[in-house]
Amino acid sequence: MEYQKFRVTPESVEVKEGEEVFLSCAVDHQQGKAQWTKDGFALGFQRDVPGYPRYYYTGDPQLGEHHLVIRGVTLTEDGEYQCQVGPTMTNPPIWAAANVTVILEPTSITIVGWEDGSVVEVMAGTSLTLECLVADARPPPQAVWYRGTYQVDSELQEDRVEASHMARRWSGRSQLVVTATADDDGKVFSCQARHPALTKDQHTLTASITLSVLHPPGQPTIHGYNTGEILLAGERRNLSCSVSGGNPRPWVLWYREGRLLDDTTALDTAGVHNAFEVVVTAEEDGAVYECSVTNDLLKNPLTSNVTLTVYYAPRLVAITGPSQVEEGKTLDLTCTTSVSNPPASLTWSVAGEIVEETKSVVGRHEDGGWVTSSDLIRYPMGRANVSEVMVECHALNPAVNHIVKQFKSITVTKPPGVPVFEGNLRREVVAGTTLDVTCTTVGGHPPPTMRIYKEAEATLTDLRREGNLTRARAEVRVAPEDNGAKLTCEASSSPQTTPVSTSSTLTVLFAPWEVRGSATPSTVEEGQLVSLSCESSSSLPPSNITWTSEGVVMETADIFTSRGAFGGTKTRSELKLETTADDDKRLFVCTAGNGLDDPVHEDIVLDVLHSPIWLAKPPEQLDVYEGADLVITAAATSNPGPITYL
């Protein structure tokens, strides 16, 4: 005889609330009745389990199958369940137990102190304690922390379980201490609930915050050019400055030589950057472009810079020196480039022939770059019958392969012949006369210019050319001061050469323009001598002086001459008289002339002191009739007056 025994025993299960529970129970050689108990309370032998509408037994009882099914399990179904088979006369009872654990997913998850998705601002280097609460679950829930997409090492978190305010549930609390770094800026820190009631295909129960870590930006980096790299004028180059990190968002500014150039800051996944295009010119050589980064946490901007090196040809070359050279003489010229980098080389050619032996000098320009100069020294201009020579200086910057040329036309001059005055300029001319002066010269290249000078004063000169002959004509009015003056005729084919000239000295005749007379002493007593003096101004030829008084020519004067102005002669005449009373108020006229113009005159009136003299002397005796009127006339004169009659 075989005893009843379990073929299949129930196994403990965990089920989510609302799911169905299936507890297996199968018996071999069953003799007694089978039923289930919950926590020691019998559910009965009926297969539909009266009083428990969600419970029923399933399986083939003939085969000893007594499986318990619970539909829509709730927390009340949590407990121990036994499958029991009662005893018989021949078989003892048997039973097998299993636990049904009803699991409840957490009702919520929060990062304590912040709403889900909050942005938490914190200074770099600051420690921040994040606390995650997974609430009201059965069995107790767990929490897992993530930094971005990476799970945080569980050893860094501190977890504890606490009772829930809801029966038979627990909450899990987890703390994570984060020391904020610049790399954490913008990072999402999330707390994810772990619980058997949460299946993988369900929505993950997560709470998160985003850290905004206040930190200075990193050192800016310049892209697109490295200091020392060679640029060629005409290139276009994009310069970009980028900076990683920085919260608040940094600003990236471009400066050129200290002047703000661009402030258009852009943001992408790599960070903040600012880019612009440089059009490379000669002026960019040595230019310093500085990238400056600022944000509110920086006391001083962070900077990086590059110094451009630009190769460029000179814009021009200049030839300095004379544009004319006298035939048979040597030529000196200087060729100078504008600024270039690297230095340009200079080559001379004269009349199409390269000049080999020249030396160049290279100097650093104050604004950067190099200036090259070369001297063409004592180049002989000995070719005959050449009136013009073309000189070329060309500059080559080998790094740029660009040639700049400058041409200069050199006029080969030939001096004109010595000029000659036409007519006789050595004859005597009278002051006030206008001379027609003509001067000619032969030859000269280029055709000469001519000027006629009276001493250093240039005259208005009329210039005419007749074939190889150049004639200059001027009208020269002469004055007394021109006596002995030099008339000069100059001819020159170039302002840079010494002119050839001829000169002639004028002899100018002129009349006296004044005569001055005096009496010495100016007041004289009768009977004394008075000296009358008269002197003419300069004249050529010397003047003659005559004295007249009351229409009578005086013949007894003494004549003296002396050197006068303008190469002439001054004439002085002296007349001595013994005065009488009759000479008082007597007029003497001094006349000077040399026949070239009207004579000049000077009047001298004598002042003679004398006692009274009768002009009308009264008679010594008069016979008159008694009673008749008597008129006696008496008139006298004296110097000084007046006269008193007694």
Foldseek 3Di string as FASTA:
>chain_A
DDAKDWPDFFAADEEAAQAKDKTWTFIPPADFQKFKAFPNHTQDRAQCSPPQNQWGFDDDVVRRTTMIMGGRHDQVSFGKMKIKGPADPVYHIDIHIYTYHHKYAFPAKEFPPDAFAAEAEEAQQDKDKTKMKRHWIPPEKDKWKDWAPHTDDPVQKDKDKAPHPDPRTIMIMIMHIDRHHLVQAQIKMKIWIDDPVDDPPDDTRMGIYRYHYADAWDAKDKPFDAAPDEAEQQDKTKIKIFIDTHPVAKWKFKDKPNHTDDGDWDADPRGIMDMDMDRGHPLLAQIKIKIWIDDPVDPGTRIDIHRYHYFYDFPAKDKDADQEAEAFWFGKIKIKTHFGPPFWDKWKDKQRHTDDDKDKDWDADPSGGIMIMIMDPRHTRHDPPDQKMKMKMWIADPVNGDIHMDIGIHGHKYAWAAKDWPDDQADEAAAQDKDKIKIKIFAMPPFKDKWKDFAPHTFDWDWDDDVRMIMIIGIHHGHLLLAQTKIKMWIGNDPVDDTHMDIDRYHYFYKFPAKDKAKVPQEEAAQAKIKIKMKTAFGPAFKDKWKDWPRRTDDPKDKDWDQHPSRGIMIMIMDMDRGHPVLQQTKMKMWIIDPPDHIYIDIRGHHYFDDKDWPFCWDPDDDDDPPDDDDTDTHIDGVPDDDDDD
